[in-house]
N, C-alpha and C. Protein backbone atom coordinates (compact mmCIF):
# COMPACT_ATOMS: atom_id res chain seq x y z
N MET A 1 -14.58 15.51 13.40
CA MET A 1 -14.65 13.86 13.13
C MET A 1 -13.90 13.61 11.88
N THR A 2 -12.57 12.81 11.94
CA THR A 2 -12.00 12.08 11.07
C THR A 2 -12.78 11.26 10.33
N LEU A 3 -12.99 11.61 8.98
CA LEU A 3 -13.93 10.48 7.95
C LEU A 3 -12.80 9.13 7.82
N THR A 4 -13.26 8.06 7.40
CA THR A 4 -12.47 6.68 7.42
C THR A 4 -13.07 6.21 6.11
N ARG A 5 -12.10 5.84 5.32
CA ARG A 5 -12.40 4.82 3.74
C ARG A 5 -11.87 3.49 4.25
N LYS A 6 -12.76 2.57 3.13
CA LYS A 6 -11.99 1.10 3.37
C LYS A 6 -10.95 1.04 2.52
N ALA A 7 -9.92 0.29 2.64
CA ALA A 7 -9.01 -0.19 2.10
C ALA A 7 -8.88 -1.95 1.96
N THR A 8 -8.53 -2.66 1.28
CA THR A 8 -8.64 -3.81 1.37
C THR A 8 -7.23 -4.65 1.00
N TRP A 9 -6.13 -5.39 1.79
CA TRP A 9 -5.07 -6.11 1.30
C TRP A 9 -5.38 -7.62 0.93
N LYS A 10 -5.04 -8.03 0.13
CA LYS A 10 -5.36 -9.31 -0.34
C LYS A 10 -3.95 -9.83 -0.29
N LEU A 11 -4.07 -11.03 0.62
CA LEU A 11 -2.77 -11.77 0.97
C LEU A 11 -2.18 -12.87 0.18
N ALA A 12 -1.12 -13.23 0.02
CA ALA A 12 -0.56 -14.21 -0.56
C ALA A 12 -1.10 -15.74 -0.20
N ASP A 13 -1.58 -15.95 1.09
CA ASP A 13 -2.56 -17.17 1.27
C ASP A 13 -4.18 -17.44 1.21
N GLY A 14 -4.40 -16.28 0.21
CA GLY A 14 -5.68 -15.88 -0.29
C GLY A 14 -6.76 -15.20 0.77
N ARG A 15 -6.09 -14.71 1.61
CA ARG A 15 -6.80 -14.06 3.20
C ARG A 15 -7.29 -12.63 2.17
N ALA A 16 -8.20 -12.11 2.91
CA ALA A 16 -8.40 -10.52 2.64
C ALA A 16 -8.66 -10.00 4.34
N ILE A 17 -7.66 -8.62 4.07
CA ILE A 17 -7.93 -7.84 5.29
C ILE A 17 -8.62 -6.50 4.78
N THR A 18 -9.91 -6.03 5.45
CA THR A 18 -10.25 -4.53 5.28
C THR A 18 -10.35 -4.09 6.41
N LEU A 19 -9.96 -2.53 5.86
CA LEU A 19 -9.83 -1.78 7.13
C LEU A 19 -10.49 -0.43 6.95
N ASP A 20 -11.12 0.11 7.86
CA ASP A 20 -11.09 1.59 7.95
C ASP A 20 -10.29 2.64 8.41
N VAL A 21 -9.73 3.52 6.97
CA VAL A 21 -8.44 4.01 7.11
C VAL A 21 -8.92 5.31 7.24
N PRO A 22 -8.30 5.97 8.15
CA PRO A 22 -8.75 7.51 8.30
C PRO A 22 -8.26 8.34 6.93
N GLU A 23 -8.73 9.23 6.12
CA GLU A 23 -8.44 10.08 5.63
C GLU A 23 -7.00 10.50 5.70
N GLY A 24 -6.26 10.76 4.85
CA GLY A 24 -4.79 11.53 4.96
C GLY A 24 -3.59 10.20 5.60
N GLN A 25 -4.26 9.29 6.18
CA GLN A 25 -3.02 8.50 6.80
C GLN A 25 -2.80 7.43 5.28
N SER A 26 -1.47 6.98 5.75
CA SER A 26 -1.07 6.31 4.28
C SER A 26 -1.46 4.88 4.58
N LEU A 27 -1.45 4.19 3.63
CA LEU A 27 -2.02 2.65 3.74
C LEU A 27 -1.07 2.15 4.26
N MET A 28 0.70 2.11 4.53
CA MET A 28 1.54 1.53 5.15
C MET A 28 0.90 1.90 6.72
N GLU A 29 0.64 3.09 6.94
CA GLU A 29 0.85 3.21 8.41
C GLU A 29 -0.81 2.29 9.06
N ALA A 30 -1.35 2.24 8.13
CA ALA A 30 -2.88 1.80 8.50
C ALA A 30 -2.48 0.04 8.95
N ALA A 31 -1.97 -0.40 7.33
CA ALA A 31 -1.38 -1.81 7.87
C ALA A 31 -0.61 -2.28 8.46
N THR A 32 0.20 -1.61 9.35
CA THR A 32 1.07 -1.82 10.12
C THR A 32 0.56 -1.55 11.48
N ARG A 33 -0.15 -0.53 11.85
CA ARG A 33 -0.96 -0.46 13.01
C ARG A 33 -2.00 -1.60 13.37
N HIS A 34 -2.39 -1.95 12.14
CA HIS A 34 -3.49 -3.61 12.56
C HIS A 34 -2.49 -4.59 12.11
N GLY A 35 -1.28 -4.66 11.99
CA GLY A 35 -0.57 -6.17 12.03
C GLY A 35 -1.05 -7.05 10.63
N VAL A 36 -1.36 -6.16 9.41
CA VAL A 36 -1.74 -6.60 8.10
C VAL A 36 -0.09 -7.61 7.69
N PRO A 37 0.14 -8.55 7.47
CA PRO A 37 1.14 -9.45 7.36
C PRO A 37 2.01 -9.11 6.05
N GLY A 38 2.88 -9.14 5.86
CA GLY A 38 3.77 -8.60 4.76
C GLY A 38 4.15 -7.10 4.93
N ILE A 39 3.45 -6.39 5.12
CA ILE A 39 3.46 -4.97 5.38
C ILE A 39 4.38 -4.54 6.51
N ILE A 40 5.64 -4.51 6.37
CA ILE A 40 6.80 -4.09 7.64
C ILE A 40 7.07 -2.57 7.92
N GLY A 41 7.05 -1.57 6.81
CA GLY A 41 7.33 -0.53 6.80
C GLY A 41 8.25 -0.27 8.00
N GLU A 42 9.57 -1.01 7.62
CA GLU A 42 10.76 -0.78 8.66
C GLU A 42 11.32 0.81 8.59
N CYS A 43 11.33 1.36 7.62
CA CYS A 43 11.45 3.04 7.63
C CYS A 43 10.73 3.95 7.97
N GLY A 44 9.39 3.24 8.71
CA GLY A 44 8.70 4.15 9.14
C GLY A 44 7.62 5.14 8.29
N GLY A 45 8.06 5.03 6.78
CA GLY A 45 7.52 5.46 5.67
C GLY A 45 8.44 6.52 5.05
N SER A 46 9.78 6.57 5.27
CA SER A 46 10.73 7.45 4.83
C SER A 46 11.28 7.22 3.25
N MET A 47 10.98 6.08 2.76
CA MET A 47 11.06 5.36 1.68
C MET A 47 12.24 5.19 1.19
N SER A 48 12.60 4.38 2.35
CA SER A 48 14.24 3.87 2.39
C SER A 48 14.46 2.47 2.57
N CYS A 49 12.99 1.71 2.37
CA CYS A 49 13.42 0.14 2.72
C CYS A 49 12.66 -0.65 1.80
N ALA A 50 11.61 -0.11 1.33
CA ALA A 50 10.80 -0.63 0.47
C ALA A 50 10.11 -2.10 0.74
N THR A 51 9.94 -2.10 2.13
CA THR A 51 9.06 -3.13 2.76
C THR A 51 7.38 -3.04 2.99
N CYS A 52 7.08 -2.34 2.47
CA CYS A 52 5.55 -1.56 2.42
C CYS A 52 5.24 -1.95 0.81
N HIS A 53 5.94 -2.71 -0.13
CA HIS A 53 5.39 -2.74 -1.39
C HIS A 53 3.95 -3.45 -1.43
N VAL A 54 3.26 -3.04 -2.31
CA VAL A 54 1.80 -3.61 -2.50
C VAL A 54 1.34 -3.39 -4.26
N VAL A 55 0.84 -4.27 -4.74
CA VAL A 55 0.19 -4.05 -5.57
C VAL A 55 -1.03 -3.68 -5.94
N VAL A 56 -1.59 -2.43 -6.81
CA VAL A 56 -2.57 -1.94 -6.72
C VAL A 56 -3.27 -2.31 -7.79
N ALA A 57 -4.32 -3.15 -7.33
CA ALA A 57 -5.48 -3.28 -8.45
C ALA A 57 -5.59 -3.04 -9.48
N PRO A 58 -5.30 -3.09 -10.64
CA PRO A 58 -5.24 -2.26 -12.01
C PRO A 58 -6.47 -1.41 -11.75
N ASP A 59 -8.08 -1.77 -11.77
CA ASP A 59 -8.45 -0.64 -11.60
C ASP A 59 -8.54 0.37 -10.95
N TRP A 60 -7.61 0.20 -9.65
CA TRP A 60 -7.52 1.40 -8.66
C TRP A 60 -6.18 2.17 -9.21
N ALA A 61 -5.25 1.46 -9.98
CA ALA A 61 -3.74 2.11 -9.96
C ALA A 61 -4.18 3.84 -10.60
N GLU A 62 -4.96 4.31 -11.14
CA GLU A 62 -5.24 5.50 -12.06
C GLU A 62 -5.37 6.28 -10.88
N ARG A 63 -6.47 5.82 -10.03
CA ARG A 63 -6.83 7.24 -8.85
C ARG A 63 -5.32 6.58 -7.78
N ALA A 64 -4.86 5.79 -7.83
CA ALA A 64 -3.71 5.82 -6.37
C ALA A 64 -2.72 6.62 -7.05
N GLY A 65 -2.48 6.72 -8.23
CA GLY A 65 -1.38 7.47 -8.82
C GLY A 65 -0.14 6.96 -9.01
N THR A 66 0.88 7.77 -9.47
CA THR A 66 2.03 7.06 -10.24
C THR A 66 3.11 7.65 -9.25
N PRO A 67 3.99 6.41 -9.13
CA PRO A 67 5.03 6.84 -8.55
C PRO A 67 5.97 8.06 -8.85
N SER A 68 6.51 8.48 -7.73
CA SER A 68 7.81 9.53 -7.99
C SER A 68 9.01 8.81 -8.45
N ALA A 69 9.88 9.53 -8.86
CA ALA A 69 11.09 9.37 -9.29
C ALA A 69 11.69 8.31 -8.56
N PHE A 70 11.83 8.60 -7.05
CA PHE A 70 12.56 8.23 -5.99
C PHE A 70 11.69 6.46 -6.07
N GLU A 71 10.45 7.11 -5.63
CA GLU A 71 10.09 5.69 -5.34
C GLU A 71 9.97 4.33 -6.35
N GLU A 72 9.98 5.01 -7.72
CA GLU A 72 10.68 3.78 -8.86
C GLU A 72 11.57 3.13 -8.74
N ASP A 73 12.55 4.16 -8.05
CA ASP A 73 14.03 3.23 -7.76
C ASP A 73 14.03 2.26 -6.64
N MET A 74 13.20 3.01 -5.69
CA MET A 74 12.65 1.82 -4.80
C MET A 74 12.10 0.95 -5.07
N LEU A 75 10.98 0.80 -5.78
CA LEU A 75 10.43 -0.30 -6.29
C LEU A 75 11.26 -1.74 -7.24
N ASP A 76 11.92 -0.96 -7.51
CA ASP A 76 13.01 -1.62 -8.56
C ASP A 76 14.03 -2.67 -7.68
N ILE A 77 14.03 -2.40 -6.06
CA ILE A 77 14.67 -2.92 -5.22
C ILE A 77 13.82 -4.04 -4.37
N THR A 78 12.53 -4.05 -4.59
CA THR A 78 11.87 -4.87 -3.46
C THR A 78 12.29 -6.44 -3.73
N GLU A 79 12.02 -6.85 -2.68
CA GLU A 79 12.15 -8.40 -2.41
C GLU A 79 11.31 -9.28 -3.31
N ALA A 80 9.94 -8.90 -3.43
CA ALA A 80 9.01 -9.73 -4.52
C ALA A 80 9.25 -8.87 -5.98
N GLY A 81 9.25 -9.53 -6.98
CA GLY A 81 9.13 -8.81 -7.80
C GLY A 81 8.03 -7.71 -7.94
N ARG A 82 8.51 -6.62 -8.79
CA ARG A 82 7.81 -5.33 -9.23
C ARG A 82 6.87 -5.71 -10.07
N GLN A 83 5.78 -5.46 -9.98
CA GLN A 83 4.79 -5.31 -11.01
C GLN A 83 4.31 -4.08 -11.57
N PRO A 84 3.76 -4.15 -12.78
CA PRO A 84 3.42 -2.73 -13.54
C PRO A 84 2.64 -1.83 -12.37
N THR A 85 1.72 -2.30 -11.85
CA THR A 85 0.91 -1.32 -10.74
C THR A 85 1.52 -1.35 -9.23
N SER A 86 2.71 -1.75 -9.16
CA SER A 86 3.58 -1.88 -7.88
C SER A 86 3.57 -0.79 -7.36
N ARG A 87 3.51 -0.19 -5.93
CA ARG A 87 3.62 0.93 -5.40
C ARG A 87 4.12 0.82 -3.79
N LEU A 88 4.73 1.70 -3.69
CA LEU A 88 4.92 1.85 -1.84
C LEU A 88 4.17 2.30 -1.03
N SER A 89 3.58 1.56 -0.37
CA SER A 89 2.41 2.03 0.21
C SER A 89 2.13 3.00 1.53
N CYS A 90 3.72 3.37 1.88
CA CYS A 90 3.87 4.68 2.32
C CYS A 90 3.50 5.75 1.99
N GLN A 91 3.55 5.69 0.57
CA GLN A 91 3.20 6.83 -0.31
C GLN A 91 1.89 7.01 -1.24
N ILE A 92 0.78 6.14 -0.59
CA ILE A 92 -0.43 6.16 -1.09
C ILE A 92 -0.95 6.65 0.07
N ARG A 93 -1.68 8.03 0.34
CA ARG A 93 -2.42 8.39 1.50
C ARG A 93 -4.11 8.32 1.37
N MET A 94 -4.58 7.63 2.24
CA MET A 94 -6.05 7.30 1.86
C MET A 94 -6.80 8.85 1.53
N THR A 95 -7.62 9.01 0.43
CA THR A 95 -8.66 9.98 0.38
C THR A 95 -10.06 9.49 -0.41
N ALA A 96 -11.04 10.49 -0.24
CA ALA A 96 -12.21 9.63 -0.66
C ALA A 96 -12.39 8.76 -1.89
N ALA A 97 -11.28 9.23 -3.47
CA ALA A 97 -11.21 8.91 -4.02
C ALA A 97 -10.83 7.27 -3.93
N LEU A 98 -10.04 7.07 -2.89
CA LEU A 98 -9.33 5.76 -2.84
C LEU A 98 -10.39 4.85 -2.01
N ASP A 99 -11.81 5.29 -1.62
CA ASP A 99 -12.68 4.52 -0.59
C ASP A 99 -13.20 3.08 -1.33
N GLY A 100 -12.33 2.06 -0.60
CA GLY A 100 -12.83 0.78 -1.43
C GLY A 100 -11.21 0.19 -2.00
N ILE A 101 -10.29 0.86 -2.35
CA ILE A 101 -9.30 0.54 -2.99
C ILE A 101 -8.33 -0.68 -2.49
N VAL A 102 -8.14 -1.78 -3.59
CA VAL A 102 -8.12 -3.33 -3.32
C VAL A 102 -6.37 -3.22 -4.26
N LEU A 103 -5.62 -3.54 -2.53
CA LEU A 103 -3.88 -3.76 -2.58
C LEU A 103 -3.72 -5.23 -2.52
N SER A 104 -2.79 -5.71 -3.31
CA SER A 104 -2.15 -7.11 -3.04
C SER A 104 -0.89 -7.25 -2.57
N VAL A 105 -0.36 -7.99 -1.24
CA VAL A 105 0.66 -8.09 -0.70
C VAL A 105 1.21 -8.96 -1.31
N PRO A 106 2.32 -8.78 -1.84
CA PRO A 106 3.03 -9.71 -2.75
C PRO A 106 4.04 -10.70 -1.77
N GLU A 107 3.97 -11.99 -2.17
CA GLU A 107 4.83 -13.30 -1.29
C GLU A 107 6.39 -12.58 -1.32
N ALA A 108 6.60 -12.52 -0.19
CA ALA A 108 8.47 -12.16 0.15
C ALA A 108 9.02 -13.30 -0.05
């Protein structure tokens, strides 16, 4: 049995979408499978488009980890302005430590 954990995407219009995400699945995959607005995942998670940009809530940033050098470069070209806790959601995989994570979807 696959364990699921909660993740919440806060949208620019004030709505919030909370989903059960299987451990090991990327937050981009979960968002695109459930139609979370603003998370496109055009490249399918290969870190070549930055269309899954999210801003991790500050109290979750350390647990979500830091971007790799290549992810840092991709974050510099996001359509919405980069924030201190910006990440590509294709690079964040759900774990028990991330149960309850909160992400904001920047307005493009």
